[in-house]
C-alpha atoms as a PDB file:
ATOM      1  CA  MET A   1     138.096  97.839  72.031  1.00  0.00           C
ATOM      2  CA  PRO A   2     134.925  95.999  70.971  1.00  0.00           C
ATOM      3  CA  ASN A   3     133.481  96.944  67.631  1.00  0.00           C
ATOM      4  CA  PHE A   4     129.913  98.100  67.003  1.00  0.00           C
ATOM      5  CA  GLU A   5     128.541  94.595  66.298  1.00  0.00           C
ATOM      6  CA  GLU A   6     129.959  93.236  69.557  1.00  0.00           C
ATOM      7  CA  LYS A   7     128.523  96.159  71.505  1.00  0.00           C
ATOM      8  CA  GLN A   8     125.144  95.679  69.835  1.00  0.00           C
ATOM      9  CA  LYS A   9     125.222  91.989  70.795  1.00  0.00           C
ATOM     10  CA  VAL A  10     125.861  92.954  74.440  1.00  0.00           C
ATOM     11  CA  VAL A  11     122.976  95.450  74.309  1.00  0.00           C
ATOM     12  CA  GLU A  12     120.674  92.747  72.871  1.00  0.00           C
ATOM     13  CA  ASP A  13     121.721  90.385  75.680  1.00  0.00           C
ATOM     14  CA  ILE A  14     120.935  93.052  78.304  1.00  0.00           C
ATOM     15  CA  LYS A  15     117.555  93.753  76.649  1.00  0.00           C
ATOM     16  CA  GLN A  16     116.684  90.045  76.853  1.00  0.00           C
ATOM     17  CA  LYS A  17     117.638  89.988  80.531  1.00  0.00           C
ATOM     18  CA  PHE A  18     115.437  93.030  81.252  1.00  0.00           C
ATOM     19  CA  GLU A  19     112.523  91.529  79.314  1.00  0.00           C
ATOM     20  CA  GLY A  20     112.868  88.144  81.027  1.00  0.00           C
ATOM     21  CA  ALA A  21     113.059  89.591  84.535  1.00  0.00           C
ATOM     22  CA  ASN A  22     110.185  90.785  86.705  1.00  0.00           C
ATOM     23  CA  GLY A  23     112.639  92.428  89.069  1.00  0.00           C
ATOM     24  CA  VAL A  24     116.035  94.038  88.505  1.00  0.00           C
ATOM     25  CA  ILE A  25     118.023  95.686  91.280  1.00  0.00           C
ATOM     26  CA  LEU A  26     120.922  98.086  90.607  1.00  0.00           C
ATOM     27  CA  ALA A  27     123.639  98.314  93.238  1.00  0.00           C
ATOM     28  CA  ASP A  28     126.939 100.081  93.777  1.00  0.00           C
ATOM     29  CA  TYR A  29     129.477  97.522  94.914  1.00  0.00           C
ATOM     30  CA  ARG A  30     132.437  99.887  95.503  1.00  0.00           C
ATOM     31  CA  GLY A  31     134.443  98.935  98.567  1.00  0.00           C
ATOM     32  CA  LEU A  32     133.450  95.279  98.694  1.00  0.00           C
ATOM     33  CA  THR A  33     136.267  92.760  98.925  1.00  0.00           C
ATOM     34  CA  VAL A  34     136.563  89.915  96.441  1.00  0.00           C
ATOM     35  CA  SER A  35     135.419  87.418  99.075  1.00  0.00           C
ATOM     36  CA  GLN A  36     132.368  89.561  99.926  1.00  0.00           C
ATOM     37  CA  VAL A  37     131.393  89.782  96.233  1.00  0.00           C
ATOM     38  CA  THR A  38     131.922  86.025  95.882  1.00  0.00           C
ATOM     39  CA  ASN A  39     129.683  85.344  98.898  1.00  0.00           C
ATOM     40  CA  LEU A  40     127.019  87.660  97.462  1.00  0.00           C
ATOM     41  CA  ARG A  41     127.186  85.967  94.064  1.00  0.00           C
ATOM     42  CA  VAL A  42     126.816  82.528  95.672  1.00  0.00           C
ATOM     43  CA  GLU A  43     123.820  83.670  97.725  1.00  0.00           C
ATOM     44  CA  LEU A  44     122.145  85.212  94.665  1.00  0.00           C
ATOM     45  CA  ARG A  45     122.887  82.202  92.448  1.00  0.00           C
ATOM     46  CA  GLN A  46     121.323  79.850  95.018  1.00  0.00           C
ATOM     47  CA  ALA A  47     118.142  81.941  94.824  1.00  0.00           C
ATOM     48  CA  GLY A  48     118.131  81.754  91.002  1.00  0.00           C
ATOM     49  CA  ILE A  49     119.186  85.378  90.554  1.00  0.00           C
ATOM     50  CA  GLU A  50     121.679  86.455  87.909  1.00  0.00           C
ATOM     51  CA  TYR A  51     124.181  89.046  89.152  1.00  0.00           C
ATOM     52  CA  ARG A  52     126.207  90.925  86.541  1.00  0.00           C
ATOM     53  CA  VAL A  53     128.476  93.936  86.404  1.00  0.00           C
ATOM     54  CA  LEU A  54     127.702  95.724  83.143  1.00  0.00           C
ATOM     55  CA  LYS A  55     128.802  98.927  81.467  1.00  0.00           C
ATOM     56  CA  ASN A  56     126.435 101.784  82.263  1.00  0.00           C
ATOM     57  CA  THR A  57     126.324 102.940  78.629  1.00  0.00           C
ATOM     58  CA  MET A  58     125.257  99.472  77.473  1.00  0.00           C
ATOM     59  CA  VAL A  59     122.580  99.225  80.171  1.00  0.00           C
ATOM     60  CA  ARG A  60     121.358 102.736  79.340  1.00  0.00           C
ATOM     61  CA  ARG A  61     121.129 101.911  75.635  1.00  0.00           C
ATOM     62  CA  ALA A  62     119.298  98.614  76.282  1.00  0.00           C
ATOM     63  CA  ALA A  63     116.843 100.290  78.677  1.00  0.00           C
ATOM     64  CA  ASP A  64     116.143 103.074  76.171  1.00  0.00           C
ATOM     65  CA  GLU A  65     115.542 100.566  73.373  1.00  0.00           C
ATOM     66  CA  ILE A  66     112.906  98.651  75.343  1.00  0.00           C
ATOM     67  CA  GLY A  67     111.242 101.767  76.746  1.00  0.00           C
ATOM     68  CA  ILE A  68     112.446 101.802  80.352  1.00  0.00           C
ATOM     69  CA  THR A  69     112.639 105.491  81.220  1.00  0.00           C
ATOM     70  CA  GLY A  70     114.233 107.139  84.230  1.00  0.00           C
ATOM     71  CA  LEU A  71     117.053 104.624  84.659  1.00  0.00           C
ATOM     72  CA  ALA A  72     119.857 106.813  83.288  1.00  0.00           C
ATOM     73  CA  GLU A  73     120.136 108.912  86.476  1.00  0.00           C
ATOM     74  CA  PHE A  74     121.061 105.776  88.466  1.00  0.00           C
ATOM     75  CA  LEU A  75     123.709 104.621  85.995  1.00  0.00           C
ATOM     76  CA  GLU A  76     126.645 106.524  87.454  1.00  0.00           C
ATOM     77  CA  GLY A  77     129.753 104.854  88.837  1.00  0.00           C
ATOM     78  CA  PRO A  78     130.191 101.086  89.193  1.00  0.00           C
ATOM     79  CA  THR A  79     126.864  99.328  88.778  1.00  0.00           C
ATOM     80  CA  ALA A  80     125.959  95.696  89.324  1.00  0.00           C
ATOM     81  CA  LEU A  81     122.562  94.377  88.277  1.00  0.00           C
ATOM     82  CA  ALA A  82     120.622  91.486  89.788  1.00  0.00           C
ATOM     83  CA  PHE A  83     118.038  89.997  87.374  1.00  0.00           C
ATOM     84  CA  SER A  84     115.243  87.748  88.671  1.00  0.00           C
ATOM     85  CA  THR A  85     111.819  86.441  87.752  1.00  0.00           C
ATOM     86  CA  ASP A  86     110.838  86.940  91.416  1.00  0.00           C
ATOM     87  CA  PRO A  87     110.835  90.699  92.040  1.00  0.00           C
ATOM     88  CA  VAL A  88     111.113  90.385  95.830  1.00  0.00           C
ATOM     89  CA  ALA A  89     114.024  87.920  96.105  1.00  0.00           C
ATOM     90  CA  PRO A  90     116.872  90.133  94.805  1.00  0.00           C
ATOM     91  CA  ALA A  91     115.597  93.087  96.833  1.00  0.00           C
ATOM     92  CA  LYS A  92     115.575  90.963 100.006  1.00  0.00           C
ATOM     93  CA  ILE A  93     119.007  89.441  99.468  1.00  0.00           C
ATOM     94  CA  LEU A  94     120.717  92.688  98.466  1.00  0.00           C
ATOM     95  CA  SER A  95     119.048  94.641 101.297  1.00  0.00           C
ATOM     96  CA  GLU A  96     120.129  92.070 103.880  1.00  0.00           C
ATOM     97  CA  PHE A  97     123.636  91.988 102.411  1.00  0.00           C
ATOM     98  CA  SER A  98     123.880  95.791 102.463  1.00  0.00           C
ATOM     99  CA  LYS A  99     122.937  95.821 106.173  1.00  0.00           C
ATOM    100  CA  LYS A 100     125.917  93.565 106.935  1.00  0.00           C
ATOM    101  CA  ASN A 101     128.258  95.166 104.377  1.00  0.00           C
ATOM    102  CA  LYS A 102     127.851  98.931 104.322  1.00  0.00           C
ATOM    103  CA  SER A 103     129.952  99.185 101.127  1.00  0.00           C
ATOM    104  CA  LEU A 104     127.078  97.814  99.026  1.00  0.00           C
ATOM    105  CA  THR A 105     124.458 100.449  98.273  1.00  0.00           C
ATOM    106  CA  ILE A 106     121.239  99.868  96.418  1.00  0.00           C
ATOM    107  CA  LYS A 107     120.781 102.502  93.724  1.00  0.00           C
ATOM    108  CA  ALA A 108     117.407 101.642  92.226  1.00  0.00           C
ATOM    109  CA  GLY A 109     115.322  98.875  90.753  1.00  0.00           C
ATOM    110  CA  VAL A 110     113.146  98.006  87.809  1.00  0.00           C
ATOM    111  CA  LEU A 111     109.861  96.354  88.693  1.00  0.00           C
ATOM    112  CA  ASP A 112     107.836  95.069  85.735  1.00  0.00           C
ATOM    113  CA  GLY A 113     109.420  97.638  83.424  1.00  0.00           C
ATOM    114  CA  LYS A 114     109.030 100.617  85.793  1.00  0.00           C
ATOM    115  CA  VAL A 115     111.974 102.260  87.562  1.00  0.00           C
ATOM    116  CA  ILE A 116     111.735 102.468  91.361  1.00  0.00           C
ATOM    117  CA  ASN A 117     114.079 104.303  93.716  1.00  0.00           C
ATOM    118  CA  ALA A 118     116.190 102.750  96.488  1.00  0.00           C
ATOM    119  CA  GLU A 119     113.532 103.485  99.119  1.00  0.00           C
ATOM    120  CA  LYS A 120     110.909 101.524  97.181  1.00  0.00           C
ATOM    121  CA  VAL A 121     113.401  98.672  96.723  1.00  0.00           C
ATOM    122  CA  LYS A 122     113.742  98.555 100.531  1.00  0.00           C
ATOM    123  CA  ASP A 123     109.937  98.517 100.851  1.00  0.00           C
ATOM    124  CA  LEU A 124     109.859  95.658  98.373  1.00  0.00           C
ATOM    125  CA  ALA A 125     112.480  93.821 100.451  1.00  0.00           C
ATOM    126  CA  ASN A 126     110.255  94.123 103.533  1.00  0.00           C
ATOM    127  CA  LEU A 127     107.378  92.299 101.846  1.00  0.00           C
ATOM    128  CA  PRO A 128     106.798  88.730 102.993  1.00  0.00           C
ATOM    129  CA  SER A 129     108.042  86.014 100.657  1.00  0.00           C
ATOM    130  CA  ARG A 130     105.799  84.618  97.941  1.00  0.00           C
ATOM    131  CA  GLU A 131     105.172  81.452  99.968  1.00  0.00           C
ATOM    132  CA  VAL A 132     104.115  83.444 103.043  1.00  0.00           C
ATOM    133  CA  LEU A 133     101.772  85.613 100.960  1.00  0.00           C
ATOM    134  CA  LEU A 134     100.203  82.519  99.374  1.00  0.00           C
ATOM    135  CA  SER A 135      99.673  80.909 102.778  1.00  0.00           C
ATOM    136  CA  GLN A 136      98.053  84.126 104.035  1.00  0.00           C
ATOM    137  CA  VAL A 137      95.696  84.139 101.044  1.00  0.00           C
ATOM    138  CA  LEU A 138      94.812  80.492 101.630  1.00  0.00           C
ATOM    139  CA  ALA A 139      94.191  81.134 105.330  1.00  0.00           C
ATOM    140  CA  GLY A 140      91.942  84.040 104.390  1.00  0.00           C
ATOM    141  CA  MET A 141      89.991  81.812 102.027  1.00  0.00           C
ATOM    142  CA  GLN A 142      89.711  78.982 104.556  1.00  0.00           C
ATOM    143  CA  GLY A 143      87.985  81.083 107.216  1.00  0.00           C
ATOM    144  CA  PRO A 144      84.766  81.745 105.279  1.00  0.00           C
ATOM    145  CA  LEU A 145      84.722  78.157 103.955  1.00  0.00           C
ATOM    146  CA  GLN A 146      85.024  76.761 107.483  1.00  0.00           C
ATOM    147  CA  GLY A 147      82.175  79.018 108.597  1.00  0.00           C
ATOM    148  CA  MET A 148      80.019  77.841 105.699  1.00  0.00           C
ATOM    149  CA  VAL A 149      80.717  74.189 106.557  1.00  0.00           C
ATOM    150  CA  ASN A 150      79.629  74.839 110.159  1.00  0.00           C
ATOM    151  CA  VAL A 151      76.439  76.556 108.993  1.00  0.00           C
ATOM    152  CA  LEU A 152      75.601  73.716 106.622  1.00  0.00           C
ATOM    153  CA  GLN A 153      76.269  71.112 109.317  1.00  0.00           C
ATOM    154  CA  GLY A 154      73.862  72.821 111.756  1.00  0.00           C
ATOM    155  CA  PRO A 155      70.598  71.373 110.367  1.00  0.00           C
ATOM    156  CA  ILE A 156      72.159  67.917 110.017  1.00  0.00           C
ATOM    157  CA  ARG A 157      73.391  68.079 113.612  1.00  0.00           C
ATOM    158  CA  LYS A 158      69.939  69.190 114.838  1.00  0.00           C
ATOM    159  CA  PHE A 159      68.317  66.372 112.860  1.00  0.00           C
ATOM    160  CA  GLY A 160      70.733  63.926 114.541  1.00  0.00           C
ATOM    161  CA  TYR A 161      69.815  65.274 117.987  1.00  0.00           C
ATOM    162  CA  ALA A 162      66.100  64.945 117.139  1.00  0.00           C
ATOM    163  CA  LEU A 163      66.559  61.319 116.018  1.00  0.00           C
ATOM    164  CA  GLU A 164      68.455  60.562 119.237  1.00  0.00           C
ATOM    165  CA  GLU A 165      65.572  62.000 121.306  1.00  0.00           C
ATOM    166  CA  VAL A 166      63.045  59.938 119.319  1.00  0.00           C
ATOM    167  CA  ARG A 167      65.147  56.806 119.957  1.00  0.00           C
ATOM    168  CA  LYS A 168      65.268  57.560 123.702  1.00  0.00           C
ATOM    169  CA  LEU A 169      61.478  58.085 123.791  1.00  0.00           C
ATOM    170  CA  LYS A 170      60.843  54.791 122.008  1.00  0.00           C
ATOM    171  CA  GLU A 171      63.211  52.963 124.392  1.00  0.00           C
ATOM    172  CA  ALA A 172      61.394  54.512 127.385  1.00  0.00           C
ATOM    173  CA  GLN A 173      58.025  53.368 125.984  1.00  0.00           C
ATOM    174  CA  ALA A 174      59.213  49.842 125.333  1.00  0.00           C
END
């Protein structure tokens, strides 16, 4: 059995993971086969997400020490945690995985230090990816800029038409 110092070191490690992550998803993995868990781990690792199975008491202690309240009620039974700097990615991957593998259930999440329930995690999973959101913002910014360019080109275009008419008149007189 680990002594107090070893347990405290584990708690410190969990605290660092919570503090370094913008999104943490808690899931119950009971009923998954070893190959299913391995596939999930590979998928999460490829997305830069750390997936760990940790003792509930250690997670509870770490969360309490850094001021995350409301997490204790979700720390019952086997719990795996997915830590990520991107809050949407672990929610998306775990939600998709749970649709294919009914044994995996999402318990809750921690988003920027605030606990969210499983329903909010699913809402988070339905958000478009960061890249899609950025492209939507850029498209929204381009519209008004394109309109402004057209407005500013109007007088120049009219001046060009006027010069062309003057040229045609001078050619007709010559």
